[in-house]
């Protein structure tokens, strides 16, 4: 997994829970990398998942809730750091529809070894669309947080439902988005 996710996760922990908690997570999980993450490095996703599990214990919160909160945070960080790149999109559907064939293409140019989730966007009709998430990592909760923040960012009148797909372990999900008005 690319280091940018790790560096952003540590910043998320520091901003939401404080440096003491961030330090605790690194000490308690004792990551093989030593916890010295760089944005351009690559690290075992298990290190991130171990920190999330430890955070859930410390904060007595469900792992999915914490991962989704990180997804919400990550969207706004991506917009802060890559705003001009994302400014071309004016609606939730435009942005979600461009992830696989535009945004991920650009990410792969920067990070050829990136193992990105596969996202398939489909416009069902004028009011309904679907985004299918498929990954080797169980991070559908992260995708859900990113989608929530995308909708909030654009102020679109959209509700969505998540359906976990087999094997129902967070590696595959379908998000069905419905506009409540045009």
N, C-alpha and C. Protein backbone atom coordinates (compact mmCIF):
# COMPACT_ATOMS: atom_id res chain seq x y z
N UNK A 1 0.86 -1.17 0.00
CA UNK A 1 0.00 0.00 0.00
C UNK A 1 0.90 1.23 0.00
N UNK A 2 0.49 2.24 -0.75
CA UNK A 2 1.31 3.45 -0.87
C UNK A 2 1.35 4.22 0.46
N UNK A 3 2.51 4.78 0.68
CA UNK A 3 2.78 5.49 1.93
C UNK A 3 1.89 6.69 2.17
N UNK A 4 1.37 7.28 1.11
CA UNK A 4 0.52 8.46 1.31
C UNK A 4 -0.69 8.12 2.18
N UNK A 5 -1.20 6.91 2.05
CA UNK A 5 -2.34 6.51 2.88
C UNK A 5 -1.90 6.44 4.34
N UNK A 6 -0.69 5.93 4.58
CA UNK A 6 -0.17 5.84 5.95
C UNK A 6 0.09 7.22 6.54
N UNK A 7 0.73 8.09 5.76
CA UNK A 7 1.03 9.42 6.30
C UNK A 7 -0.25 10.18 6.59
N UNK A 8 -1.24 10.04 5.73
CA UNK A 8 -2.52 10.70 5.96
C UNK A 8 -3.24 10.08 7.16
N UNK A 9 -3.12 8.77 7.33
CA UNK A 9 -3.75 8.12 8.48
C UNK A 9 -3.15 8.65 9.78
N UNK A 10 -1.84 8.76 9.84
CA UNK A 10 -1.18 9.28 11.05
C UNK A 10 -1.63 10.73 11.30
N UNK A 11 -1.73 11.54 10.24
CA UNK A 11 -2.21 12.91 10.41
C UNK A 11 -3.66 12.94 10.89
N UNK A 12 -4.47 12.02 10.35
CA UNK A 12 -5.86 11.91 10.79
C UNK A 12 -5.92 11.59 12.28
N UNK A 13 -5.13 10.63 12.72
CA UNK A 13 -5.12 10.24 14.14
C UNK A 13 -4.68 11.42 15.00
N UNK A 14 -3.61 12.09 14.57
CA UNK A 14 -3.12 13.24 15.35
C UNK A 14 -4.16 14.34 15.44
N UNK A 15 -4.84 14.63 14.32
CA UNK A 15 -5.81 15.73 14.33
C UNK A 15 -7.08 15.37 15.08
N UNK A 16 -7.51 14.11 15.02
CA UNK A 16 -8.77 13.70 15.66
C UNK A 16 -8.60 13.24 17.10
N UNK A 17 -7.45 12.61 17.40
CA UNK A 17 -7.29 11.98 18.71
C UNK A 17 -6.04 12.42 19.46
N UNK A 18 -5.13 13.13 18.79
CA UNK A 18 -3.94 13.64 19.44
C UNK A 18 -2.69 12.81 19.17
N UNK A 19 -1.57 13.46 19.41
CA UNK A 19 -0.27 12.81 19.16
C UNK A 19 -0.01 11.64 20.10
N UNK A 20 -0.53 11.72 21.30
CA UNK A 20 -0.31 10.63 22.26
C UNK A 20 -0.92 9.33 21.73
N UNK A 21 -2.12 9.42 21.17
CA UNK A 21 -2.78 8.24 20.61
C UNK A 21 -2.01 7.75 19.38
N UNK A 22 -1.56 8.67 18.53
CA UNK A 22 -0.79 8.28 17.34
C UNK A 22 0.48 7.53 17.77
N UNK A 23 1.18 8.06 18.75
CA UNK A 23 2.38 7.39 19.25
C UNK A 23 2.04 6.03 19.84
N UNK A 24 0.95 5.97 20.59
CA UNK A 24 0.53 4.69 21.19
C UNK A 24 0.29 3.64 20.11
N UNK A 25 -0.38 4.02 19.03
CA UNK A 25 -0.67 3.06 17.96
C UNK A 25 0.61 2.48 17.38
N UNK A 26 1.60 3.34 17.17
CA UNK A 26 2.87 2.87 16.60
C UNK A 26 3.62 1.97 17.57
N UNK A 27 3.59 2.30 18.84
CA UNK A 27 4.28 1.47 19.84
C UNK A 27 3.54 0.14 20.01
N UNK A 28 2.22 0.20 20.14
CA UNK A 28 1.43 -1.00 20.41
C UNK A 28 1.45 -1.99 19.25
N UNK A 29 1.47 -1.49 18.02
CA UNK A 29 1.43 -2.39 16.86
C UNK A 29 2.82 -2.78 16.38
N UNK A 30 3.84 -2.01 16.77
CA UNK A 30 5.23 -2.32 16.41
C UNK A 30 5.37 -2.75 14.93
N UNK A 31 5.03 -1.84 14.00
CA UNK A 31 5.05 -2.21 12.59
C UNK A 31 6.45 -2.58 12.09
N UNK A 32 6.50 -3.55 11.17
CA UNK A 32 7.79 -4.00 10.61
C UNK A 32 8.57 -2.85 9.98
N UNK A 33 7.85 -1.87 9.45
CA UNK A 33 8.51 -0.72 8.81
C UNK A 33 9.11 0.22 9.84
N UNK A 34 8.77 0.02 11.10
CA UNK A 34 9.22 0.92 12.15
C UNK A 34 8.31 2.13 12.31
N UNK A 35 7.31 2.23 11.45
CA UNK A 35 6.37 3.33 11.55
C UNK A 35 6.88 4.65 11.00
N UNK A 36 8.01 4.61 10.31
CA UNK A 36 8.56 5.83 9.69
C UNK A 36 8.08 5.86 8.24
N UNK A 37 6.86 6.33 8.04
CA UNK A 37 6.23 6.30 6.72
C UNK A 37 6.57 7.54 5.91
N UNK A 38 6.76 7.32 4.62
CA UNK A 38 6.92 8.43 3.67
C UNK A 38 5.81 8.29 2.63
N UNK A 39 5.40 9.39 2.07
CA UNK A 39 4.30 9.39 1.10
C UNK A 39 4.60 8.54 -0.12
N UNK A 40 5.85 8.46 -0.53
CA UNK A 40 6.19 7.72 -1.76
C UNK A 40 6.61 6.28 -1.49
N UNK A 41 6.73 5.89 -0.24
CA UNK A 41 7.10 4.51 0.09
C UNK A 41 5.93 3.57 -0.10
N UNK A 42 6.23 2.28 0.00
CA UNK A 42 5.20 1.24 -0.04
C UNK A 42 5.32 0.41 1.23
N UNK A 43 4.17 0.09 1.82
CA UNK A 43 4.16 -0.60 3.11
C UNK A 43 3.08 -1.67 3.11
N UNK A 44 3.24 -2.62 4.00
CA UNK A 44 2.27 -3.70 4.15
C UNK A 44 0.97 -3.13 4.70
N UNK A 45 -0.13 -3.37 3.99
CA UNK A 45 -1.44 -2.88 4.42
C UNK A 45 -1.81 -3.41 5.80
N UNK A 46 -1.25 -4.54 6.18
CA UNK A 46 -1.50 -5.10 7.50
C UNK A 46 -1.10 -4.16 8.62
N UNK A 47 -0.09 -3.32 8.37
CA UNK A 47 0.32 -2.35 9.38
C UNK A 47 -0.79 -1.33 9.65
N UNK A 48 -1.41 -0.87 8.59
CA UNK A 48 -2.52 0.09 8.74
C UNK A 48 -3.70 -0.56 9.44
N UNK A 49 -4.03 -1.78 9.01
CA UNK A 49 -5.16 -2.47 9.61
C UNK A 49 -4.91 -2.74 11.10
N UNK A 50 -3.68 -3.09 11.45
CA UNK A 50 -3.35 -3.32 12.87
C UNK A 50 -3.53 -2.04 13.68
N UNK A 51 -3.13 -0.91 13.11
CA UNK A 51 -3.31 0.36 13.83
C UNK A 51 -4.79 0.70 14.00
N UNK A 52 -5.60 0.40 13.00
CA UNK A 52 -7.04 0.66 13.10
C UNK A 52 -7.66 -0.21 14.18
N UNK A 53 -7.27 -1.47 14.23
CA UNK A 53 -7.79 -2.37 15.26
C UNK A 53 -7.39 -1.88 16.65
N UNK A 54 -6.14 -1.45 16.79
CA UNK A 54 -5.68 -0.92 18.08
C UNK A 54 -6.43 0.36 18.44
N UNK A 55 -6.65 1.22 17.47
CA UNK A 55 -7.41 2.45 17.71
C UNK A 55 -8.83 2.11 18.18
N UNK A 56 -9.42 1.10 17.57
CA UNK A 56 -10.77 0.69 17.97
C UNK A 56 -10.80 0.25 19.43
N UNK A 57 -9.75 -0.44 19.85
CA UNK A 57 -9.67 -0.87 21.26
C UNK A 57 -9.53 0.35 22.17
N UNK A 58 -8.63 1.24 21.81
CA UNK A 58 -8.36 2.41 22.65
C UNK A 58 -9.58 3.31 22.75
N UNK A 59 -10.23 3.57 21.63
CA UNK A 59 -11.37 4.50 21.61
C UNK A 59 -12.71 3.79 21.84
N UNK A 60 -12.67 2.48 21.96
CA UNK A 60 -13.89 1.68 22.14
C UNK A 60 -14.93 2.04 21.08
N UNK A 61 -14.46 1.99 19.84
CA UNK A 61 -15.31 2.32 18.69
C UNK A 61 -15.19 1.19 17.67
N UNK A 62 -16.23 0.94 16.90
CA UNK A 62 -16.15 -0.11 15.88
C UNK A 62 -15.15 0.26 14.77
N UNK A 63 -14.41 -0.74 14.32
CA UNK A 63 -13.43 -0.54 13.25
C UNK A 63 -14.08 0.11 12.02
N UNK A 64 -15.25 -0.38 11.54
CA UNK A 64 -15.83 0.23 10.34
C UNK A 64 -16.11 1.73 10.50
N UNK A 65 -16.52 2.14 11.69
CA UNK A 65 -16.81 3.56 11.93
C UNK A 65 -15.52 4.38 11.82
N UNK A 66 -14.44 3.87 12.36
CA UNK A 66 -13.16 4.58 12.31
C UNK A 66 -12.61 4.64 10.89
N UNK A 67 -12.71 3.54 10.15
CA UNK A 67 -12.21 3.52 8.77
C UNK A 67 -13.03 4.46 7.90
N UNK A 68 -14.34 4.49 8.11
CA UNK A 68 -15.20 5.40 7.36
C UNK A 68 -14.86 6.85 7.68
N UNK A 69 -14.59 7.14 8.95
CA UNK A 69 -14.20 8.50 9.35
C UNK A 69 -12.89 8.89 8.67
N UNK A 70 -11.97 7.95 8.57
CA UNK A 70 -10.72 8.22 7.87
C UNK A 70 -11.00 8.50 6.39
N UNK A 71 -11.92 7.77 5.78
CA UNK A 71 -12.29 8.03 4.39
C UNK A 71 -12.83 9.44 4.20
N UNK A 72 -13.66 9.89 5.14
CA UNK A 72 -14.17 11.26 5.09
C UNK A 72 -13.03 12.26 5.16
N UNK A 73 -12.14 12.04 6.09
CA UNK A 73 -10.97 12.92 6.25
C UNK A 73 -10.10 12.90 4.98
N UNK A 74 -9.89 11.72 4.44
CA UNK A 74 -9.00 11.57 3.29
C UNK A 74 -9.52 12.31 2.06
N UNK A 75 -10.83 12.30 1.85
CA UNK A 75 -11.38 13.04 0.71
C UNK A 75 -10.97 14.51 0.78
N UNK A 76 -11.16 15.12 1.93
CA UNK A 76 -10.85 16.54 2.04
C UNK A 76 -9.35 16.80 1.95
N UNK A 77 -8.54 15.87 2.39
CA UNK A 77 -7.10 16.01 2.23
C UNK A 77 -6.72 15.89 0.74
N UNK A 78 -7.33 14.96 0.04
CA UNK A 78 -7.08 14.84 -1.40
C UNK A 78 -7.48 16.13 -2.10
N UNK A 79 -8.60 16.70 -1.69
CA UNK A 79 -9.04 17.94 -2.33
C UNK A 79 -8.10 19.09 -1.99
N UNK A 80 -7.57 19.13 -0.79
CA UNK A 80 -6.59 20.16 -0.42
C UNK A 80 -5.32 20.03 -1.24
N UNK A 81 -4.84 18.79 -1.40
CA UNK A 81 -3.55 18.59 -2.06
C UNK A 81 -3.65 18.47 -3.58
N UNK A 82 -4.81 18.07 -4.08
CA UNK A 82 -4.97 17.87 -5.53
C UNK A 82 -6.17 18.62 -6.08
N UNK A 83 -6.54 19.72 -5.43
CA UNK A 83 -7.72 20.49 -5.82
C UNK A 83 -7.81 20.84 -7.29
N UNK A 84 -6.73 21.40 -7.87
CA UNK A 84 -6.82 21.76 -9.29
C UNK A 84 -7.09 20.55 -10.19
N UNK A 85 -6.57 19.42 -9.80
CA UNK A 85 -6.74 18.18 -10.55
C UNK A 85 -8.19 17.72 -10.49
N UNK A 86 -8.85 17.98 -9.36
CA UNK A 86 -10.21 17.51 -9.14
C UNK A 86 -11.27 18.57 -9.49
N UNK A 87 -10.83 19.79 -9.73
CA UNK A 87 -11.76 20.90 -9.97
C UNK A 87 -12.59 20.74 -11.25
N UNK A 88 -12.16 19.89 -12.15
CA UNK A 88 -12.89 19.69 -13.41
C UNK A 88 -14.24 19.02 -13.18
N UNK A 89 -14.42 18.40 -12.04
CA UNK A 89 -15.64 17.65 -11.78
C UNK A 89 -16.61 18.52 -10.99
N UNK A 90 -17.86 18.54 -11.44
CA UNK A 90 -18.87 19.43 -10.85
C UNK A 90 -19.96 18.69 -10.08
N UNK A 91 -20.01 17.37 -10.21
CA UNK A 91 -21.02 16.60 -9.49
C UNK A 91 -20.38 15.32 -8.94
N UNK A 92 -21.08 14.73 -8.01
CA UNK A 92 -20.64 13.45 -7.43
C UNK A 92 -20.46 12.41 -8.53
N UNK A 93 -21.46 12.32 -9.41
CA UNK A 93 -21.41 11.31 -10.47
C UNK A 93 -20.23 11.54 -11.41
N UNK A 94 -19.94 12.80 -11.74
CA UNK A 94 -18.80 13.08 -12.61
C UNK A 94 -17.50 12.61 -11.98
N UNK A 95 -17.32 12.93 -10.70
CA UNK A 95 -16.09 12.53 -10.03
C UNK A 95 -15.99 11.02 -9.88
N UNK A 96 -17.05 10.39 -9.39
CA UNK A 96 -17.02 8.93 -9.21
C UNK A 96 -16.84 8.21 -10.55
N UNK A 97 -17.45 8.74 -11.59
CA UNK A 97 -17.32 8.14 -12.91
C UNK A 97 -15.93 8.27 -13.52
N UNK A 98 -15.15 9.20 -13.01
CA UNK A 98 -13.82 9.44 -13.56
C UNK A 98 -12.70 8.74 -12.79
N UNK A 99 -13.01 8.16 -11.66
CA UNK A 99 -11.95 7.61 -10.82
C UNK A 99 -11.14 6.55 -11.55
N UNK A 100 -11.78 5.53 -12.06
CA UNK A 100 -11.04 4.39 -12.63
C UNK A 100 -10.29 4.77 -13.91
N UNK A 101 -10.95 5.48 -14.81
CA UNK A 101 -10.34 5.73 -16.13
C UNK A 101 -9.59 7.05 -16.25
N UNK A 102 -9.62 7.87 -15.23
CA UNK A 102 -8.86 9.11 -15.30
C UNK A 102 -7.97 9.27 -14.07
N UNK A 103 -8.58 9.34 -12.91
CA UNK A 103 -7.81 9.61 -11.69
C UNK A 103 -6.83 8.48 -11.40
N UNK A 104 -7.30 7.23 -11.44
CA UNK A 104 -6.39 6.11 -11.18
C UNK A 104 -5.29 6.00 -12.24
N UNK A 105 -5.59 6.39 -13.47
CA UNK A 105 -4.57 6.40 -14.53
C UNK A 105 -3.46 7.38 -14.16
N UNK A 106 -3.86 8.55 -13.68
CA UNK A 106 -2.87 9.56 -13.27
C UNK A 106 -2.08 9.10 -12.04
N UNK A 107 -2.77 8.46 -11.10
CA UNK A 107 -2.08 7.95 -9.91
C UNK A 107 -1.04 6.91 -10.32
N UNK A 108 -1.39 6.04 -11.26
CA UNK A 108 -0.44 5.00 -11.70
C UNK A 108 0.77 5.61 -12.42
N UNK A 109 0.59 6.77 -13.04
CA UNK A 109 1.74 7.44 -13.65
C UNK A 109 2.73 7.87 -12.57
N UNK A 110 2.19 8.37 -11.45
CA UNK A 110 3.04 8.81 -10.35
C UNK A 110 3.59 7.64 -9.55
N UNK A 111 2.77 6.60 -9.37
CA UNK A 111 3.13 5.45 -8.55
C UNK A 111 2.83 4.16 -9.32
N UNK A 112 3.72 3.76 -10.23
CA UNK A 112 3.46 2.60 -11.07
C UNK A 112 3.19 1.30 -10.30
N UNK A 113 3.71 1.20 -9.08
CA UNK A 113 3.52 -0.02 -8.30
C UNK A 113 2.30 0.04 -7.39
N UNK A 114 1.49 1.09 -7.51
CA UNK A 114 0.31 1.23 -6.65
C UNK A 114 -0.69 0.11 -6.93
N UNK A 115 -1.22 -0.47 -5.87
CA UNK A 115 -2.26 -1.50 -5.97
C UNK A 115 -3.58 -0.84 -5.60
N UNK A 116 -4.21 -0.24 -6.58
CA UNK A 116 -5.44 0.52 -6.35
C UNK A 116 -6.66 -0.39 -6.42
N UNK A 117 -7.72 -0.02 -5.74
CA UNK A 117 -8.96 -0.80 -5.89
C UNK A 117 -9.50 -0.61 -7.31
N UNK A 118 -10.26 -1.56 -7.74
CA UNK A 118 -10.92 -1.45 -9.05
C UNK A 118 -12.32 -0.90 -8.80
N UNK A 119 -12.64 0.19 -9.48
CA UNK A 119 -13.95 0.83 -9.31
C UNK A 119 -14.67 0.86 -10.66
N UNK A 120 -15.90 0.41 -10.65
CA UNK A 120 -16.72 0.43 -11.85
C UNK A 120 -17.93 1.30 -11.59
N UNK A 121 -18.05 2.37 -12.38
CA UNK A 121 -19.17 3.29 -12.23
C UNK A 121 -20.15 3.05 -13.36
N UNK A 122 -21.44 3.06 -13.02
CA UNK A 122 -22.48 2.85 -14.02
C UNK A 122 -23.65 3.77 -13.72
N UNK A 123 -24.07 4.52 -14.73
CA UNK A 123 -25.26 5.36 -14.61
C UNK A 123 -26.44 4.48 -14.97
N UNK A 124 -27.28 4.18 -14.00
CA UNK A 124 -28.42 3.28 -14.20
C UNK A 124 -29.53 4.02 -14.95
N UNK A 125 -29.85 5.21 -14.48
CA UNK A 125 -30.83 6.08 -15.14
C UNK A 125 -30.51 7.51 -14.72
N UNK A 126 -31.37 8.47 -15.02
CA UNK A 126 -31.04 9.87 -14.74
C UNK A 126 -30.91 10.17 -13.25
N UNK A 127 -31.50 9.34 -12.40
CA UNK A 127 -31.48 9.59 -10.96
C UNK A 127 -30.63 8.60 -10.17
N UNK A 128 -30.22 7.52 -10.80
CA UNK A 128 -29.56 6.44 -10.07
C UNK A 128 -28.25 6.05 -10.74
N UNK A 129 -27.24 5.82 -9.90
CA UNK A 129 -25.96 5.31 -10.39
C UNK A 129 -25.42 4.30 -9.39
N UNK A 130 -24.43 3.54 -9.83
CA UNK A 130 -23.80 2.54 -8.98
C UNK A 130 -22.29 2.65 -9.09
N UNK A 131 -21.65 2.46 -7.96
CA UNK A 131 -20.19 2.36 -7.94
C UNK A 131 -19.85 1.04 -7.28
N UNK A 132 -19.16 0.18 -8.03
CA UNK A 132 -18.72 -1.11 -7.49
C UNK A 132 -17.26 -0.99 -7.09
N UNK A 133 -16.99 -1.44 -5.89
CA UNK A 133 -15.65 -1.41 -5.30
C UNK A 133 -15.13 -2.84 -5.19
N UNK A 134 -13.92 -3.07 -5.69
CA UNK A 134 -13.28 -4.38 -5.61
C UNK A 134 -11.82 -4.15 -5.27
N UNK A 135 -11.34 -4.82 -4.22
CA UNK A 135 -9.96 -4.61 -3.78
C UNK A 135 -9.41 -5.87 -3.13
N UNK A 136 -8.09 -5.93 -3.06
CA UNK A 136 -7.46 -7.03 -2.32
C UNK A 136 -7.47 -6.72 -0.83
N UNK A 137 -7.80 -5.47 -0.49
CA UNK A 137 -7.82 -5.04 0.91
C UNK A 137 -9.26 -4.81 1.37
N UNK A 138 -9.54 -5.10 2.63
CA UNK A 138 -10.91 -4.93 3.13
C UNK A 138 -11.19 -3.47 3.54
N UNK A 139 -11.25 -2.60 2.53
CA UNK A 139 -11.39 -1.17 2.83
C UNK A 139 -12.64 -0.54 2.19
N UNK A 140 -13.71 -1.32 2.07
CA UNK A 140 -14.95 -0.75 1.54
C UNK A 140 -15.47 0.35 2.46
N UNK A 141 -15.16 0.27 3.76
CA UNK A 141 -15.57 1.34 4.68
C UNK A 141 -14.86 2.64 4.32
N UNK A 142 -13.61 2.56 3.91
CA UNK A 142 -12.87 3.75 3.47
C UNK A 142 -13.54 4.35 2.24
N UNK A 143 -13.90 3.48 1.29
CA UNK A 143 -14.60 3.95 0.08
C UNK A 143 -15.92 4.62 0.45
N UNK A 144 -16.61 4.05 1.42
CA UNK A 144 -17.89 4.64 1.85
C UNK A 144 -17.68 6.05 2.41
N UNK A 145 -16.65 6.22 3.21
CA UNK A 145 -16.34 7.55 3.75
C UNK A 145 -15.98 8.53 2.65
N UNK A 146 -15.22 8.07 1.66
CA UNK A 146 -14.86 8.92 0.53
C UNK A 146 -16.11 9.34 -0.26
N UNK A 147 -17.04 8.41 -0.46
CA UNK A 147 -18.27 8.72 -1.18
C UNK A 147 -19.11 9.73 -0.40
N UNK A 148 -19.25 9.52 0.91
CA UNK A 148 -20.00 10.47 1.74
C UNK A 148 -19.45 11.88 1.60
N UNK A 149 -18.13 11.99 1.66
CA UNK A 149 -17.51 13.32 1.57
C UNK A 149 -17.63 13.91 0.17
N UNK A 150 -17.63 13.07 -0.84
CA UNK A 150 -17.81 13.55 -2.21
C UNK A 150 -19.19 14.19 -2.34
N UNK A 151 -20.20 13.49 -1.86
CA UNK A 151 -21.57 14.01 -1.91
C UNK A 151 -21.66 15.33 -1.13
N UNK A 152 -21.08 15.35 0.04
CA UNK A 152 -21.11 16.56 0.88
C UNK A 152 -20.37 17.71 0.19
N UNK A 153 -19.22 17.41 -0.40
CA UNK A 153 -18.43 18.45 -1.08
C UNK A 153 -19.23 19.13 -2.19
N UNK A 154 -19.89 18.32 -3.00
CA UNK A 154 -20.63 18.89 -4.12
C UNK A 154 -22.02 19.40 -3.72
N UNK A 155 -22.46 19.05 -2.52
CA UNK A 155 -23.78 19.47 -2.06
C UNK A 155 -24.90 18.83 -2.88
N UNK A 156 -24.62 17.66 -3.41
CA UNK A 156 -25.62 16.98 -4.24
C UNK A 156 -26.71 16.34 -3.38
N UNK A 157 -27.96 16.44 -3.83
CA UNK A 157 -29.06 15.79 -3.11
C UNK A 157 -29.08 14.30 -3.42
N UNK A 158 -28.16 13.58 -2.81
CA UNK A 158 -27.98 12.15 -3.10
C UNK A 158 -28.00 11.37 -1.80
N UNK A 159 -28.71 10.25 -1.83
CA UNK A 159 -28.62 9.26 -0.77
C UNK A 159 -27.97 8.03 -1.39
N UNK A 160 -27.37 7.20 -0.55
CA UNK A 160 -26.80 5.98 -1.09
C UNK A 160 -26.92 4.83 -0.11
N UNK A 161 -26.90 3.65 -0.70
CA UNK A 161 -26.99 2.40 0.06
C UNK A 161 -25.80 1.55 -0.33
N UNK A 162 -25.20 0.94 0.66
CA UNK A 162 -24.07 0.04 0.41
C UNK A 162 -24.53 -1.41 0.58
N UNK A 163 -24.15 -2.23 -0.39
CA UNK A 163 -24.41 -3.66 -0.30
C UNK A 163 -23.06 -4.37 -0.41
N UNK A 164 -22.69 -5.08 0.65
CA UNK A 164 -21.45 -5.85 0.60
C UNK A 164 -21.66 -7.06 -0.30
N UNK A 165 -20.68 -7.30 -1.15
CA UNK A 165 -20.75 -8.41 -2.08
C UNK A 165 -19.87 -9.55 -1.57
N UNK A 166 -20.14 -10.78 -2.01
CA UNK A 166 -19.33 -11.90 -1.56
C UNK A 166 -17.85 -11.65 -1.85
N UNK A 167 -16.99 -11.96 -0.94
CA UNK A 167 -17.18 -12.77 0.27
C UNK A 167 -17.62 -11.97 1.50
N UNK A 168 -18.13 -10.77 1.35
CA UNK A 168 -18.66 -9.95 2.46
C UNK A 168 -17.62 -9.70 3.54
N UNK A 169 -16.40 -9.42 3.12
CA UNK A 169 -15.32 -9.15 4.07
C UNK A 169 -14.74 -7.75 3.90
N UNK A 170 -15.49 -6.89 3.20
CA UNK A 170 -15.03 -5.52 2.99
C UNK A 170 -14.16 -5.34 1.76
N UNK A 171 -13.95 -6.40 0.99
CA UNK A 171 -13.14 -6.28 -0.22
C UNK A 171 -13.97 -6.00 -1.46
N UNK A 172 -15.29 -6.13 -1.35
CA UNK A 172 -16.15 -5.93 -2.51
C UNK A 172 -17.50 -5.39 -2.04
N UNK A 173 -17.92 -4.29 -2.67
CA UNK A 173 -19.19 -3.68 -2.30
C UNK A 173 -19.77 -2.93 -3.49
N UNK A 174 -21.07 -2.75 -3.45
CA UNK A 174 -21.76 -1.95 -4.45
C UNK A 174 -22.45 -0.80 -3.72
N UNK A 175 -22.19 0.40 -4.19
CA UNK A 175 -22.82 1.60 -3.63
C UNK A 175 -23.84 2.09 -4.65
N UNK A 176 -25.10 2.10 -4.26
CA UNK A 176 -26.17 2.56 -5.15
C UNK A 176 -26.56 3.95 -4.71
N UNK A 177 -26.33 4.93 -5.60
CA UNK A 177 -26.58 6.33 -5.32
C UNK A 177 -27.87 6.76 -6.00
N UNK A 178 -28.72 7.49 -5.27
CA UNK A 178 -29.97 7.96 -5.82
C UNK A 178 -30.10 9.46 -5.56
N UNK A 179 -30.30 10.20 -6.64
CA UNK A 179 -30.58 11.63 -6.52
C UNK A 179 -32.00 11.79 -6.04
N UNK A 180 -32.17 12.65 -5.04
CA UNK A 180 -33.52 12.88 -4.51
C UNK A 180 -34.22 14.02 -5.26
N UNK A 181 -33.46 14.77 -6.06
CA UNK A 181 -34.01 15.79 -6.96
C UNK A 181 -32.95 16.08 -8.01
N UNK A 182 -33.38 16.68 -9.14
CA UNK A 182 -32.41 16.94 -10.21
C UNK A 182 -31.80 18.31 -10.14
